[in-house]
């Protein structure tokens, strides 16, 4: 899949997940959704490179000499950033669900 296709697939997935969230909260997280899509597509490309290179270059005659691949460093940074964004988005979703549940419980009071 191309980077653009992965970006679009991730965006469609996240937009679908947030379709029932109130409009103001959805607008609030639009930038985070874009960032998540960007990181997902970038990491797909980096992962393809890492499949060929590995995450560490090891000297052919001296296995003790090793050098991390820059793509691996960036991949790990992106994974961490993506994780924080998804955790934040999940928090917004959970808050929305709790708000909806509180409204339903109000009927029984």
PDB file of N, CA and C in Angstrom:
ATOM      1  N   UNK A   1       0.838  -1.188   0.000  1.00  0.00           N
ATOM      2  CA  UNK A   1       0.000   0.000   0.000  1.00  0.00           C
ATOM      3  C   UNK A   1       0.876   1.243   0.000  1.00  0.00           C
ATOM      4  N   UNK A   2       0.415   2.258  -0.656  1.00  0.00           N
ATOM      5  CA  UNK A   2       1.166   3.513  -0.695  1.00  0.00           C
ATOM      6  C   UNK A   2       0.960   4.277   0.611  1.00  0.00           C
ATOM      7  N   UNK A   3       1.855   5.207   0.846  1.00  0.00           N
ATOM      8  CA  UNK A   3       1.767   6.041   2.039  1.00  0.00           C
ATOM      9  C   UNK A   3       0.440   6.801   2.073  1.00  0.00           C
ATOM     10  N   UNK A   4       0.047   7.291   0.913  1.00  0.00           N
ATOM     11  CA  UNK A   4      -1.198   8.058   0.813  1.00  0.00           C
ATOM     12  C   UNK A   4      -2.412   7.172   1.125  1.00  0.00           C
ATOM     13  N   UNK A   5      -2.379   5.935   0.626  1.00  0.00           N
ATOM     14  CA  UNK A   5      -3.491   5.008   0.861  1.00  0.00           C
ATOM     15  C   UNK A   5      -3.581   4.638   2.345  1.00  0.00           C
ATOM     16  N   UNK A   6      -2.442   4.453   2.979  1.00  0.00           N
ATOM     17  CA  UNK A   6      -2.431   4.123   4.410  1.00  0.00           C
ATOM     18  C   UNK A   6      -2.952   5.299   5.220  1.00  0.00           C
ATOM     19  N   UNK A   7      -2.522   6.508   4.858  1.00  0.00           N
ATOM     20  CA  UNK A   7      -3.015   7.719   5.520  1.00  0.00           C
ATOM     21  C   UNK A   7      -4.540   7.782   5.417  1.00  0.00           C
ATOM     22  N   UNK A   8      -5.049   7.580   4.213  1.00  0.00           N
ATOM     23  CA  UNK A   8      -6.490   7.679   3.985  1.00  0.00           C
ATOM     24  C   UNK A   8      -7.261   6.592   4.727  1.00  0.00           C
ATOM     25  N   UNK A   9      -6.733   5.368   4.738  1.00  0.00           N
ATOM     26  CA  UNK A   9      -7.403   4.263   5.440  1.00  0.00           C
ATOM     27  C   UNK A   9      -7.460   4.538   6.942  1.00  0.00           C
ATOM     28  N   UNK A  10      -6.372   5.040   7.502  1.00  0.00           N
ATOM     29  CA  UNK A  10      -6.332   5.363   8.930  1.00  0.00           C
ATOM     30  C   UNK A  10      -7.305   6.497   9.243  1.00  0.00           C
ATOM     31  N   UNK A  11      -7.365   7.481   8.361  1.00  0.00           N
ATOM     32  CA  UNK A  11      -8.271   8.618   8.574  1.00  0.00           C
ATOM     33  C   UNK A  11      -9.728   8.152   8.550  1.00  0.00           C
ATOM     34  N   UNK A  12     -10.063   7.311   7.579  1.00  0.00           N
ATOM     35  CA  UNK A  12     -11.431   6.793   7.498  1.00  0.00           C
ATOM     36  C   UNK A  12     -11.779   5.992   8.743  1.00  0.00           C
ATOM     37  N   UNK A  13     -10.831   5.185   9.221  1.00  0.00           N
ATOM     38  CA  UNK A  13     -11.064   4.376  10.424  1.00  0.00           C
ATOM     39  C   UNK A  13     -11.322   5.266  11.626  1.00  0.00           C
ATOM     40  N   UNK A  14     -10.470   6.266  11.832  1.00  0.00           N
ATOM     41  CA  UNK A  14     -10.616   7.136  12.994  1.00  0.00           C
ATOM     42  C   UNK A  14     -11.862   8.012  12.907  1.00  0.00           C
ATOM     43  N   UNK A  15     -12.175   8.489  11.725  1.00  0.00           N
ATOM     44  CA  UNK A  15     -13.396   9.292  11.559  1.00  0.00           C
ATOM     45  C   UNK A  15     -14.623   8.449  11.870  1.00  0.00           C
ATOM     46  N   UNK A  16     -14.604   7.194  11.438  1.00  0.00           N
ATOM     47  CA  UNK A  16     -15.729   6.296  11.739  1.00  0.00           C
ATOM     48  C   UNK A  16     -15.851   6.071  13.246  1.00  0.00           C
ATOM     49  N   UNK A  17     -14.728   5.886  13.911  1.00  0.00           N
ATOM     50  CA  UNK A  17     -14.733   5.676  15.359  1.00  0.00           C
ATOM     51  C   UNK A  17     -15.304   6.894  16.075  1.00  0.00           C
ATOM     52  N   UNK A  18     -15.031   8.090  15.560  1.00  0.00           N
ATOM     53  CA  UNK A  18     -15.463   9.329  16.203  1.00  0.00           C
ATOM     54  C   UNK A  18     -16.788   9.869  15.673  1.00  0.00           C
ATOM     55  N   UNK A  19     -17.475   9.107  14.849  1.00  0.00           N
ATOM     56  CA  UNK A  19     -18.703   9.625  14.245  1.00  0.00           C
ATOM     57  C   UNK A  19     -19.801   9.921  15.270  1.00  0.00           C
ATOM     58  N   UNK A  20     -19.827   9.199  16.394  1.00  0.00           N
ATOM     59  CA  UNK A  20     -20.875   9.417  17.390  1.00  0.00           C
ATOM     60  C   UNK A  20     -20.471  10.390  18.493  1.00  0.00           C
ATOM     61  N   UNK A  21     -19.260  10.916  18.403  1.00  0.00           N
ATOM     62  CA  UNK A  21     -18.784  11.885  19.399  1.00  0.00           C
ATOM     63  C   UNK A  21     -19.392  13.242  19.062  1.00  0.00           C
ATOM     64  N   UNK A  22     -19.732  13.983  20.100  1.00  0.00           N
ATOM     65  CA  UNK A  22     -20.355  15.288  19.853  1.00  0.00           C
ATOM     66  C   UNK A  22     -19.432  16.173  18.999  1.00  0.00           C
ATOM     67  N   UNK A  23     -20.042  17.015  18.216  1.00  0.00           N
ATOM     68  CA  UNK A  23     -19.361  17.797  17.190  1.00  0.00           C
ATOM     69  C   UNK A  23     -18.206  18.633  17.741  1.00  0.00           C
ATOM     70  N   UNK A  24     -18.389  19.271  18.887  1.00  0.00           N
ATOM     71  CA  UNK A  24     -17.324  20.128  19.437  1.00  0.00           C
ATOM     72  C   UNK A  24     -16.089  19.297  19.798  1.00  0.00           C
ATOM     73  N   UNK A  25     -16.285  18.123  20.360  1.00  0.00           N
ATOM     74  CA  UNK A  25     -15.156  17.254  20.707  1.00  0.00           C
ATOM     75  C   UNK A  25     -14.480  16.717  19.439  1.00  0.00           C
ATOM     76  N   UNK A  26     -15.280  16.418  18.445  1.00  0.00           N
ATOM     77  CA  UNK A  26     -14.718  15.920  17.177  1.00  0.00           C
ATOM     78  C   UNK A  26     -13.843  16.985  16.531  1.00  0.00           C
ATOM     79  N   UNK A  27     -14.294  18.235  16.558  1.00  0.00           N
ATOM     80  CA  UNK A  27     -13.489  19.333  16.013  1.00  0.00           C
ATOM     81  C   UNK A  27     -12.198  19.503  16.807  1.00  0.00           C
ATOM     82  N   UNK A  28     -12.304  19.314  18.106  1.00  0.00           N
ATOM     83  CA  UNK A  28     -11.146  19.452  18.981  1.00  0.00           C
ATOM     84  C   UNK A  28     -10.042  18.451  18.627  1.00  0.00           C
ATOM     85  N   UNK A  29     -10.412  17.238  18.217  1.00  0.00           N
ATOM     86  CA  UNK A  29      -9.418  16.195  17.969  1.00  0.00           C
ATOM     87  C   UNK A  29      -9.047  16.043  16.492  1.00  0.00           C
ATOM     88  N   UNK A  30      -9.567  16.899  15.625  1.00  0.00           N
ATOM     89  CA  UNK A  30      -9.261  16.788  14.191  1.00  0.00           C
ATOM     90  C   UNK A  30      -7.761  16.789  13.921  1.00  0.00           C
ATOM     91  N   UNK A  31      -7.040  17.681  14.575  1.00  0.00           N
ATOM     92  CA  UNK A  31      -5.590  17.759  14.382  1.00  0.00           C
ATOM     93  C   UNK A  31      -4.884  16.503  14.854  1.00  0.00           C
ATOM     94  N   UNK A  32      -5.328  15.956  15.979  1.00  0.00           N
ATOM     95  CA  UNK A  32      -4.734  14.724  16.484  1.00  0.00           C
ATOM     96  C   UNK A  32      -4.991  13.562  15.529  1.00  0.00           C
ATOM     97  N   UNK A  33      -6.164  13.532  14.945  1.00  0.00           N
ATOM     98  CA  UNK A  33      -6.482  12.480  13.972  1.00  0.00           C
ATOM     99  C   UNK A  33      -5.559  12.598  12.764  1.00  0.00           C
ATOM    100  N   UNK A  34      -5.361  13.821  12.278  1.00  0.00           N
ATOM    101  CA  UNK A  34      -4.443  14.040  11.151  1.00  0.00           C
ATOM    102  C   UNK A  34      -3.027  13.591  11.506  1.00  0.00           C
ATOM    103  N   UNK A  35      -2.586  13.944  12.715  1.00  0.00           N
ATOM    104  CA  UNK A  35      -1.244  13.557  13.148  1.00  0.00           C
ATOM    105  C   UNK A  35      -1.109  12.040  13.261  1.00  0.00           C
ATOM    106  N   UNK A  36      -2.130  11.393  13.793  1.00  0.00           N
ATOM    107  CA  UNK A  36      -2.105   9.933  13.909  1.00  0.00           C
ATOM    108  C   UNK A  36      -2.001   9.290  12.531  1.00  0.00           C
ATOM    109  N   UNK A  37      -2.754   9.820  11.581  1.00  0.00           N
ATOM    110  CA  UNK A  37      -2.721   9.284  10.214  1.00  0.00           C
ATOM    111  C   UNK A  37      -1.344   9.480   9.591  1.00  0.00           C
ATOM    112  N   UNK A  38      -0.771  10.641   9.798  1.00  0.00           N
ATOM    113  CA  UNK A  38       0.559  10.929   9.269  1.00  0.00           C
ATOM    114  C   UNK A  38       1.590   9.957   9.841  1.00  0.00           C
ATOM    115  N   UNK A  39       1.590   9.803  11.164  1.00  0.00           N
ATOM    116  CA  UNK A  39       2.555   8.919  11.799  1.00  0.00           C
ATOM    117  C   UNK A  39       2.370   7.469  11.367  1.00  0.00           C
ATOM    118  N   UNK A  40       1.130   7.051  11.225  1.00  0.00           N
ATOM    119  CA  UNK A  40       0.852   5.678  10.775  1.00  0.00           C
ATOM    120  C   UNK A  40       1.430   5.447   9.385  1.00  0.00           C
ATOM    121  N   UNK A  41       1.220   6.392   8.483  1.00  0.00           N
ATOM    122  CA  UNK A  41       1.714   6.224   7.107  1.00  0.00           C
ATOM    123  C   UNK A  41       3.236   6.324   7.045  1.00  0.00           C
ATOM    124  N   UNK A  42       3.821   7.227   7.822  1.00  0.00           N
ATOM    125  CA  UNK A  42       5.277   7.335   7.865  1.00  0.00           C
ATOM    126  C   UNK A  42       5.905   6.057   8.415  1.00  0.00           C
ATOM    127  N   UNK A  43       5.305   5.531   9.464  1.00  0.00           N
ATOM    128  CA  UNK A  43       5.859   4.321  10.060  1.00  0.00           C
ATOM    129  C   UNK A  43       5.728   3.110   9.145  1.00  0.00           C
ATOM    130  N   UNK A  44       4.700   3.088   8.341  1.00  0.00           N
ATOM    131  CA  UNK A  44       4.581   1.989   7.369  1.00  0.00           C
ATOM    132  C   UNK A  44       5.780   2.007   6.429  1.00  0.00           C
ATOM    133  N   UNK A  45       6.127   3.188   5.951  1.00  0.00           N
ATOM    134  CA  UNK A  45       7.268   3.315   5.039  1.00  0.00           C
ATOM    135  C   UNK A  45       8.575   2.959   5.746  1.00  0.00           C
ATOM    136  N   UNK A  46       8.742   3.446   6.970  1.00  0.00           N
ATOM    137  CA  UNK A  46       9.949   3.124   7.728  1.00  0.00           C
ATOM    138  C   UNK A  46      10.044   1.624   8.015  1.00  0.00           C
ATOM    139  N   UNK A  47       8.909   1.014   8.306  1.00  0.00           N
ATOM    140  CA  UNK A  47       8.904  -0.420   8.590  1.00  0.00           C
ATOM    141  C   UNK A  47       9.337  -1.230   7.369  1.00  0.00           C
ATOM    142  N   UNK A  48       8.914  -0.795   6.189  1.00  0.00           N
ATOM    143  CA  UNK A  48       9.327  -1.478   4.957  1.00  0.00           C
ATOM    144  C   UNK A  48      10.844  -1.385   4.771  1.00  0.00           C
ATOM    145  N   UNK A  49      11.398  -0.230   5.070  1.00  0.00           N
ATOM    146  CA  UNK A  49      12.850  -0.052   4.976  1.00  0.00           C
ATOM    147  C   UNK A  49      13.548  -0.945   5.999  1.00  0.00           C
ATOM    148  N   UNK A  50      13.015  -0.985   7.210  1.00  0.00           N
ATOM    149  CA  UNK A  50      13.636  -1.770   8.276  1.00  0.00           C
ATOM    150  C   UNK A  50      13.557  -3.275   8.018  1.00  0.00           C
ATOM    151  N   UNK A  51      12.582  -3.699   7.246  1.00  0.00           N
ATOM    152  CA  UNK A  51      12.519  -5.115   6.867  1.00  0.00           C
ATOM    153  C   UNK A  51      13.749  -5.505   6.057  1.00  0.00           C
ATOM    154  N   UNK A  52      14.256  -4.566   5.281  1.00  0.00           N
ATOM    155  CA  UNK A  52      15.449  -4.819   4.466  1.00  0.00           C
ATOM    156  C   UNK A  52      16.740  -4.607   5.252  1.00  0.00           C
ATOM    157  N   UNK A  53      16.791  -3.552   6.051  1.00  0.00           N
ATOM    158  CA  UNK A  53      18.051  -3.181   6.699  1.00  0.00           C
ATOM    159  C   UNK A  53      18.205  -3.749   8.102  1.00  0.00           C
ATOM    160  N   UNK A  54      17.094  -4.031   8.766  1.00  0.00           N
ATOM    161  CA  UNK A  54      17.148  -4.368  10.182  1.00  0.00           C
ATOM    162  C   UNK A  54      17.240  -3.090  10.995  1.00  0.00           C
ATOM    163  N   UNK A  55      17.168  -3.215  12.304  1.00  0.00           N
ATOM    164  CA  UNK A  55      17.193  -2.032  13.155  1.00  0.00           C
ATOM    165  C   UNK A  55      18.609  -1.658  13.593  1.00  0.00           C
ATOM    166  N   UNK A  56      19.529  -2.609  13.442  1.00  0.00           N
ATOM    167  CA  UNK A  56      20.912  -2.373  13.848  1.00  0.00           C
ATOM    168  C   UNK A  56      21.830  -2.938  12.771  1.00  0.00           C
ATOM    169  N   UNK A  57      22.833  -2.148  12.378  1.00  0.00           N
ATOM    170  CA  UNK A  57      23.879  -2.652  11.489  1.00  0.00           C
ATOM    171  C   UNK A  57      24.956  -3.300  12.339  1.00  0.00           C
ATOM    172  N   UNK A  58      25.308  -4.527  11.975  1.00  0.00           N
ATOM    173  CA  UNK A  58      26.329  -5.262  12.712  1.00  0.00           C
ATOM    174  C   UNK A  58      27.524  -5.464  11.787  1.00  0.00           C
ATOM    175  N   UNK A  59      28.689  -5.115  12.280  1.00  0.00           N
ATOM    176  CA  UNK A  59      29.917  -5.250  11.491  1.00  0.00           C
ATOM    177  C   UNK A  59      30.093  -6.723  11.090  1.00  0.00           C
ATOM    178  N   UNK A  60      30.396  -6.969   9.807  1.00  0.00           N
ATOM    179  CA  UNK A  60      30.457  -8.358   9.333  1.00  0.00           C
ATOM    180  C   UNK A  60      31.540  -9.217   9.997  1.00  0.00           C
ATOM    181  N   UNK A  61      32.680  -8.630  10.351  1.00  0.00           N
ATOM    182  CA  UNK A  61      33.751  -9.447  10.927  1.00  0.00           C
ATOM    183  C   UNK A  61      33.887  -9.288  12.438  1.00  0.00           C
ATOM    184  N   UNK A  62      33.327  -8.229  12.996  1.00  0.00           N
ATOM    185  CA  UNK A  62      33.398  -8.011  14.441  1.00  0.00           C
ATOM    186  C   UNK A  62      31.979  -7.755  14.956  1.00  0.00           C
ATOM    187  N   UNK A  63      31.331  -8.800  15.416  1.00  0.00           N
ATOM    188  CA  UNK A  63      29.932  -8.710  15.844  1.00  0.00           C
ATOM    189  C   UNK A  63      29.737  -7.764  17.031  1.00  0.00           C
ATOM    190  N   UNK A  64      30.809  -7.437  17.716  1.00  0.00           N
ATOM    191  CA  UNK A  64      30.735  -6.518  18.849  1.00  0.00           C
ATOM    192  C   UNK A  64      30.481  -5.075  18.390  1.00  0.00           C
ATOM    193  N   UNK A  65      30.838  -4.779  17.143  1.00  0.00           N
ATOM    194  CA  UNK A  65      30.633  -3.432  16.609  1.00  0.00           C
ATOM    195  C   UNK A  65      29.243  -3.352  15.992  1.00  0.00           C
ATOM    196  N   UNK A  66      28.436  -2.514  16.590  1.00  0.00           N
ATOM    197  CA  UNK A  66      27.059  -2.360  16.117  1.00  0.00           C
ATOM    198  C   UNK A  66      26.727  -0.879  16.014  1.00  0.00           C
ATOM    199  N   UNK A  67      25.827  -0.588  15.078  1.00  0.00           N
ATOM    200  CA  UNK A  67      25.430   0.806  14.879  1.00  0.00           C
ATOM    201  C   UNK A  67      23.924   0.831  14.606  1.00  0.00           C
ATOM    202  N   UNK A  68      23.174   1.577  15.426  1.00  0.00           N
ATOM    203  CA  UNK A  68      21.730   1.663  15.185  1.00  0.00           C
ATOM    204  C   UNK A  68      21.442   2.354  13.848  1.00  0.00           C
ATOM    205  N   UNK A  69      20.410   1.911  13.183  1.00  0.00           N
ATOM    206  CA  UNK A  69      19.970   2.510  11.920  1.00  0.00           C
ATOM    207  C   UNK A  69      19.101   3.723  12.253  1.00  0.00           C
ATOM    208  N   UNK A  70      19.341   4.842  11.594  1.00  0.00           N
ATOM    209  CA  UNK A  70      18.581   6.070  11.878  1.00  0.00           C
ATOM    210  C   UNK A  70      17.085   5.871  11.659  1.00  0.00           C
ATOM    211  N   UNK A  71      16.720   5.087  10.656  1.00  0.00           N
ATOM    212  CA  UNK A  71      15.303   4.816  10.400  1.00  0.00           C
ATOM    213  C   UNK A  71      14.662   4.123  11.601  1.00  0.00           C
ATOM    214  N   UNK A  72      15.427   3.278  12.284  1.00  0.00           N
ATOM    215  CA  UNK A  72      14.909   2.584  13.463  1.00  0.00           C
ATOM    216  C   UNK A  72      14.653   3.572  14.599  1.00  0.00           C
ATOM    217  N   UNK A  73      15.560   4.505  14.782  1.00  0.00           N
ATOM    218  CA  UNK A  73      15.368   5.526  15.819  1.00  0.00           C
ATOM    219  C   UNK A  73      14.098   6.335  15.542  1.00  0.00           C
ATOM    220  N   UNK A  74      13.954   6.756  14.293  1.00  0.00           N
ATOM    221  CA  UNK A  74      12.786   7.551  13.934  1.00  0.00           C
ATOM    222  C   UNK A  74      11.507   6.735  14.063  1.00  0.00           C
ATOM    223  N   UNK A  75      11.568   5.477  13.684  1.00  0.00           N
ATOM    224  CA  UNK A  75      10.413   4.586  13.807  1.00  0.00           C
ATOM    225  C   UNK A  75       9.956   4.520  15.266  1.00  0.00           C
ATOM    226  N   UNK A  76      10.903   4.318  16.167  1.00  0.00           N
ATOM    227  CA  UNK A  76      10.564   4.219  17.589  1.00  0.00           C
ATOM    228  C   UNK A  76      10.001   5.531  18.129  1.00  0.00           C
ATOM    229  N   UNK A  77      10.556   6.662  17.699  1.00  0.00           N
ATOM    230  CA  UNK A  77      10.015   7.963  18.111  1.00  0.00           C
ATOM    231  C   UNK A  77       8.575   8.114  17.613  1.00  0.00           C
ATOM    232  N   UNK A  78       8.361   7.733  16.351  1.00  0.00           N
ATOM    233  CA  UNK A  78       7.018   7.833  15.771  1.00  0.00           C
ATOM    234  C   UNK A  78       6.031   6.923  16.489  1.00  0.00           C
ATOM    235  N   UNK A  79       6.468   5.709  16.823  1.00  0.00           N
ATOM    236  CA  UNK A  79       5.586   4.777  17.537  1.00  0.00           C
ATOM    237  C   UNK A  79       5.176   5.377  18.879  1.00  0.00           C
ATOM    238  N   UNK A  80       6.125   5.960  19.580  1.00  0.00           N
ATOM    239  CA  UNK A  80       5.809   6.578  20.867  1.00  0.00           C
ATOM    240  C   UNK A  80       4.832   7.744  20.702  1.00  0.00           C
ATOM    241  N   UNK A  81       5.063   8.586  19.710  1.00  0.00           N
ATOM    242  CA  UNK A  81       4.160   9.716  19.463  1.00  0.00           C
ATOM    243  C   UNK A  81       2.774   9.232  19.062  1.00  0.00           C
ATOM    244  N   UNK A  82       2.728   8.234  18.196  1.00  0.00           N
ATOM    245  CA  UNK A  82       1.450   7.661  17.758  1.00  0.00           C
ATOM    246  C   UNK A  82       0.699   7.087  18.967  1.00  0.00           C
ATOM    247  N   UNK A  83       1.416   6.406  19.825  1.00  0.00           N
ATOM    248  CA  UNK A  83       0.811   5.813  21.013  1.00  0.00           C
ATOM    249  C   UNK A  83       0.188   6.880  21.914  1.00  0.00           C
ATOM    250  N   UNK A  84       0.897   7.984  22.114  1.00  0.00           N
ATOM    251  CA  UNK A  84       0.382   9.077  22.950  1.00  0.00           C
ATOM    252  C   UNK A  84      -0.876   9.677  22.313  1.00  0.00           C
ATOM    253  N   UNK A  85      -0.854   9.858  21.003  1.00  0.00           N
ATOM    254  CA  UNK A  85      -2.015  10.434  20.308  1.00  0.00           C
ATOM    255  C   UNK A  85      -3.216   9.499  20.424  1.00  0.00           C
ATOM    256  N   UNK A  86      -3.005   8.207  20.183  1.00  0.00           N
ATOM    257  CA  UNK A  86      -4.109   7.245  20.269  1.00  0.00           C
ATOM    258  C   UNK A  86      -4.649   7.180  21.692  1.00  0.00           C
ATOM    259  N   UNK A  87      -3.766   7.232  22.679  1.00  0.00           N
ATOM    260  CA  UNK A  87      -4.206   7.231  24.079  1.00  0.00           C
ATOM    261  C   UNK A  87      -5.057   8.468  24.368  1.00  0.00           C
ATOM    262  N   UNK A  88      -4.645   9.615  23.844  1.00  0.00           N
ATOM    263  CA  UNK A  88      -5.405  10.850  24.027  1.00  0.00           C
ATOM    264  C   UNK A  88      -6.767  10.758  23.343  1.00  0.00           C
ATOM    265  N   UNK A  89      -6.771  10.256  22.113  1.00  0.00           N
ATOM    266  CA  UNK A  89      -8.038  10.088  21.393  1.00  0.00           C
ATOM    267  C   UNK A  89      -8.965   9.121  22.142  1.00  0.00           C
ATOM    268  N   UNK A  90      -8.387   8.053  22.664  1.00  0.00           N
ATOM    269  CA  UNK A  90      -9.174   7.089  23.424  1.00  0.00           C
ATOM    270  C   UNK A  90      -9.762   7.733  24.674  1.00  0.00           C
ATOM    271  N   UNK A  91      -9.004   8.611  25.299  1.00  0.00           N
ATOM    272  CA  UNK A  91      -9.515   9.331  26.462  1.00  0.00           C
ATOM    273  C   UNK A  91     -10.723  10.183  26.109  1.00  0.00           C
ATOM    274  N   UNK A  92     -10.684  10.823  24.955  1.00  0.00           N
ATOM    275  CA  UNK A  92     -11.833  11.623  24.503  1.00  0.00           C
ATOM    276  C   UNK A  92     -13.036  10.716  24.257  1.00  0.00           C
ATOM    277  N   UNK A  93     -12.785   9.567  23.642  1.00  0.00           N
ATOM    278  CA  UNK A  93     -13.874   8.614  23.398  1.00  0.00           C
ATOM    279  C   UNK A  93     -14.477   8.126  24.710  1.00  0.00           C
ATOM    280  N   UNK A  94     -13.627   7.751  25.647  1.00  0.00           N
ATOM    281  CA  UNK A  94     -14.122   7.249  26.931  1.00  0.00           C
ATOM    282  C   UNK A  94     -14.887   8.325  27.687  1.00  0.00           C
ATOM    283  N   UNK A  95     -14.417   9.551  27.614  1.00  0.00           N
ATOM    284  CA  UNK A  95     -15.119  10.665  28.261  1.00  0.00           C
ATOM    285  C   UNK A  95     -16.499  10.838  27.629  1.00  0.00           C
ATOM    286  N   UNK A  96     -16.559  10.700  26.306  1.00  0.00           N
ATOM    287  CA  UNK A  96     -17.827  10.821  25.594  1.00  0.00           C
ATOM    288  C   UNK A  96     -18.784   9.704  26.018  1.00  0.00           C
ATOM    289  N   UNK A  97     -18.262   8.489  26.168  1.00  0.00           N
ATOM    290  CA  UNK A  97     -19.096   7.356  26.580  1.00  0.00           C
ATOM    291  C   UNK A  97     -19.599   7.566  28.002  1.00  0.00           C
ATOM    292  N   UNK A  98     -18.728   8.031  28.894  1.00  0.00           N
ATOM    293  CA  UNK A  98     -19.142   8.298  30.271  1.00  0.00           C
ATOM    294  C   UNK A  98     -20.206   9.387  30.318  1.00  0.00           C
ATOM    295  N   UNK A  99     -20.052  10.427  29.507  1.00  0.00           N
ATOM    296  CA  UNK A  99     -21.051  11.496  29.452  1.00  0.00           C
ATOM    297  C   UNK A  99     -22.393  10.957  28.987  1.00  0.00           C
ATOM    298  N   UNK A 100     -22.373  10.077  27.978  1.00  0.00           N
ATOM    299  CA  UNK A 100     -23.610   9.481  27.474  1.00  0.00           C
ATOM    300  C   UNK A 100     -24.255   8.599  28.533  1.00  0.00           C
ATOM    301  N   UNK A 101     -23.450   7.817  29.258  1.00  0.00           N
ATOM    302  CA  UNK A 101     -23.986   6.940  30.313  1.00  0.00           C
ATOM    303  C   UNK A 101     -24.601   7.753  31.426  1.00  0.00           C
ATOM    304  N   UNK A 102     -23.987   8.867  31.804  1.00  0.00           N
ATOM    305  CA  UNK A 102     -24.535   9.717  32.861  1.00  0.00           C
ATOM    306  C   UNK A 102     -25.888  10.283  32.445  1.00  0.00           C
ATOM    307  N   UNK A 103     -26.047  10.619  31.176  1.00  0.00           N
ATOM    308  CA  UNK A 103     -27.330  11.117  30.688  1.00  0.00           C
ATOM    309  C   UNK A 103     -28.392  10.039  30.804  1.00  0.00           C
ATOM    310  N   UNK A 104     -28.031   8.801  30.483  1.00  0.00           N
ATOM    311  CA  UNK A 104     -28.984   7.686  30.573  1.00  0.00           C
ATOM    312  C   UNK A 104     -29.363   7.415  32.025  1.00  0.00           C
ATOM    313  N   UNK A 105     -28.402   7.510  32.945  1.00  0.00           N
ATOM    314  CA  UNK A 105     -28.702   7.258  34.350  1.00  0.00           C
ATOM    315  C   UNK A 105     -29.581   8.344  34.939  1.00  0.00           C
ATOM    316  N   UNK A 106     -29.538   9.530  34.390  1.00  0.00           N
ATOM    317  CA  UNK A 106     -30.360  10.633  34.874  1.00  0.00           C
ATOM    318  C   UNK A 106     -31.856  10.337  34.775  1.00  0.00           C
ATOM    319  N   UNK A 107     -32.227   9.451  33.875  1.00  0.00           N
ATOM    320  CA  UNK A 107     -33.632   9.099  33.701  1.00  0.00           C
ATOM    321  C   UNK A 107     -34.160   8.352  34.916  1.00  0.00           C
ATOM    322  N   UNK A 108     -33.294   7.653  35.649  1.00  0.00           N
ATOM    323  CA  UNK A 108     -33.715   6.827  36.769  1.00  0.00           C
ATOM    324  C   UNK A 108     -33.688   7.567  38.099  1.00  0.00           C
ATOM    325  N   UNK A 109     -33.194   8.770  38.110  1.00  0.00           N
ATOM    326  CA  UNK A 109     -33.072   9.510  39.381  1.00  0.00           C
ATOM    327  C   UNK A 109     -34.395  10.056  39.847  1.00  0.00           C
TER     328      UNK A 109
END
